[in-house]
Amino acid sequence: MKTLNILLYFALILLLSCSSKKNSKTKVITLVETSKSWNGTPLPKYLEGNPKVTILKITIPPKTRLETHKHSEINAGVLLKGELTVISENNDTLYLKAGDPIVELVNTWHYGENNGTEPAEIIVFYAGVEGTPITIIKDEN
């Protein structure tokens, strides 16, 4: 639970730091608050160990399909620009547009694809444990 609180704290800092007006009133909007991934699967319990928080900005070119992969730790993100489709191994499908949040699948094979005409840009926050890989690529050979 501490790792999730750290993740939410960093997300709040990121959102607040994006404000360009010095004298504006601070506005906080909850994009998502859940204990389940986007397809309704419960998120796993946190592992024991030293926490590791990673924040990535990922840009996916137009007409690009990512490799099939899975995440071994809880992660969530917000699509900043473009469109993105995420498809699980069971063909559960999520369609994202700019501004949409996602709580990713954990230990489930899936892939994303940008079928749009502009790059898809997403910020992803990973809350994990040192020594645990963020992403595992499926060997499809």
Protein backbone atom coordinates (compact mmCIF):
# COMPACT_ATOMS: atom_id res chain seq x y z
CA MET A 1 0.00 0.00 0.00
CA LYS A 2 2.93 2.35 0.70
CA THR A 3 4.15 1.89 -2.88
CA LEU A 4 0.70 2.81 -4.25
CA ASN A 5 0.65 5.93 -2.07
CA ILE A 6 4.09 6.89 -3.40
CA LEU A 7 2.83 6.36 -6.96
CA LEU A 8 -0.21 8.56 -6.36
CA TYR A 9 1.98 11.22 -4.73
CA PHE A 10 4.26 11.38 -7.78
CA ALA A 11 1.24 11.54 -10.10
CA LEU A 12 -0.15 14.46 -8.12
CA ILE A 13 3.20 16.28 -8.25
CA LEU A 14 3.34 15.76 -12.03
CA LEU A 15 -0.18 17.07 -12.51
CA LEU A 16 0.42 20.11 -10.31
CA SER A 17 3.76 20.92 -11.93
CA CYS A 18 2.14 21.04 -15.38
CA SER A 19 0.23 24.19 -14.45
CA SER A 20 1.64 27.22 -16.27
CA LYS A 21 -0.38 29.90 -14.43
CA LYS A 22 1.23 31.14 -11.21
CA ASN A 23 -1.88 32.74 -9.69
CA SER A 24 -4.47 30.20 -10.77
CA LYS A 25 -6.39 28.11 -8.27
CA THR A 26 -5.04 24.62 -7.95
CA LYS A 27 -7.44 22.05 -9.37
CA VAL A 28 -7.08 18.34 -8.73
CA ILE A 29 -9.11 15.85 -10.76
CA THR A 30 -9.05 12.15 -9.95
CA LEU A 31 -8.60 10.39 -13.29
CA VAL A 32 -8.83 6.90 -11.82
CA GLU A 33 -8.90 5.28 -8.39
CA THR A 34 -9.21 1.51 -8.43
CA SER A 35 -7.90 -1.82 -7.23
CA LYS A 36 -8.51 -3.44 -10.63
CA SER A 37 -6.85 -3.26 -14.05
CA TRP A 38 -8.70 -1.89 -17.09
CA ASN A 39 -10.37 -5.22 -17.86
CA GLY A 40 -11.66 -5.68 -14.29
CA THR A 41 -8.98 -8.11 -13.08
CA PRO A 42 -8.00 -7.46 -9.44
CA LEU A 43 -4.49 -6.04 -9.04
CA PRO A 44 -2.02 -8.33 -7.22
CA LYS A 45 -0.77 -7.71 -3.70
CA TYR A 46 2.53 -5.91 -3.47
CA LEU A 47 5.68 -7.97 -3.16
CA GLU A 48 8.04 -7.62 -0.22
CA GLY A 49 11.30 -5.81 -0.85
CA ASN A 50 12.72 -2.38 -1.51
CA PRO A 51 10.22 -0.24 -3.41
CA LYS A 52 11.13 1.11 -6.83
CA VAL A 53 9.05 3.77 -8.60
CA THR A 54 9.65 4.32 -12.32
CA ILE A 55 7.99 6.97 -14.50
CA LEU A 56 8.29 6.59 -18.28
CA LYS A 57 7.20 8.81 -21.14
CA ILE A 58 6.57 6.52 -24.12
CA THR A 59 5.98 7.73 -27.68
CA ILE A 60 4.47 5.23 -30.13
CA PRO A 61 4.64 6.22 -33.81
CA PRO A 62 1.51 6.09 -35.99
CA LYS A 63 0.58 2.70 -37.47
CA THR A 64 2.79 0.88 -34.94
CA ARG A 65 2.03 -2.32 -33.01
CA LEU A 66 4.06 -2.97 -29.89
CA GLU A 67 5.44 -6.42 -29.14
CA THR A 68 3.30 -8.71 -27.01
CA HIS A 69 4.44 -8.25 -23.44
CA LYS A 70 3.41 -8.37 -19.78
CA HIS A 71 4.18 -6.31 -16.71
CA SER A 72 5.23 -7.94 -13.46
CA GLU A 73 4.36 -4.91 -11.36
CA ILE A 74 1.42 -2.56 -10.98
CA ASN A 75 1.46 0.43 -13.32
CA ALA A 76 -0.89 3.15 -14.44
CA GLY A 77 -0.69 5.91 -17.00
CA VAL A 78 -2.36 8.74 -18.85
CA LEU A 79 -2.41 9.07 -22.63
CA LEU A 80 -1.29 12.63 -23.32
CA LYS A 81 -1.65 12.72 -27.11
CA GLY A 82 -3.02 10.56 -29.88
CA GLU A 83 -4.93 7.29 -29.71
CA LEU A 84 -3.97 3.86 -28.42
CA THR A 85 -5.65 0.46 -28.47
CA VAL A 86 -4.65 -2.15 -25.89
CA ILE A 87 -5.55 -5.81 -26.52
CA SER A 88 -5.14 -8.66 -24.02
CA GLU A 89 -4.40 -12.31 -24.74
CA ASN A 90 -8.15 -12.95 -24.23
CA ASN A 91 -9.00 -10.23 -26.78
CA ASP A 92 -10.25 -7.81 -24.12
CA THR A 93 -9.83 -4.45 -25.83
CA LEU A 94 -9.40 -0.93 -24.47
CA TYR A 95 -9.56 2.15 -26.71
CA LEU A 96 -7.77 5.22 -25.35
CA LYS A 97 -7.81 8.81 -26.56
CA ALA A 98 -5.81 11.78 -25.27
CA GLY A 99 -6.56 12.43 -21.60
CA ASP A 100 -7.73 8.89 -20.81
CA PRO A 101 -6.17 7.02 -17.87
CA ILE A 102 -5.21 3.34 -17.87
CA VAL A 103 -4.49 0.91 -15.05
CA GLU A 104 -2.50 -1.76 -16.84
CA LEU A 105 -2.81 -5.51 -16.77
CA VAL A 106 -0.32 -7.32 -14.51
CA ASN A 107 1.14 -10.73 -15.47
CA THR A 108 -1.15 -10.92 -18.52
CA TRP A 109 0.15 -10.93 -22.11
CA HIS A 110 -1.10 -7.95 -24.12
CA TYR A 111 0.01 -5.40 -26.69
CA GLY A 112 -0.75 -1.85 -27.69
CA GLU A 113 -1.18 -0.43 -31.13
CA ASN A 114 -1.40 3.08 -32.48
CA ASN A 115 -3.72 2.97 -35.48
CA GLY A 116 -3.91 6.75 -35.64
CA THR A 117 -2.14 9.27 -37.85
CA GLU A 118 -0.14 10.97 -35.09
CA PRO A 119 2.23 9.65 -32.42
CA ALA A 120 0.61 8.37 -29.22
CA GLU A 121 2.32 9.78 -26.14
CA ILE A 122 1.75 8.25 -22.71
CA ILE A 123 3.20 8.78 -19.24
CA VAL A 124 3.32 5.54 -17.23
CA PHE A 125 3.99 5.19 -13.49
CA TYR A 126 5.32 1.83 -12.27
CA ALA A 127 5.19 0.91 -8.57
CA GLY A 128 7.38 -2.11 -8.05
CA VAL A 129 10.21 -3.74 -6.20
CA GLU A 130 13.92 -3.41 -6.93
CA GLY A 131 15.13 -6.24 -9.15
CA THR A 132 11.72 -6.87 -10.72
CA PRO A 133 11.52 -6.15 -14.47
CA ILE A 134 8.98 -3.55 -15.61
CA THR A 135 8.19 -5.31 -18.88
CA ILE A 136 8.74 -8.85 -20.18
CA ILE A 137 8.59 -9.34 -23.96
CA LYS A 138 6.91 -12.55 -25.14
CA ASP A 139 9.15 -14.79 -27.23
CA GLU A 140 6.91 -15.48 -30.22
CA ASN A 141 9.37 -17.73 -32.07
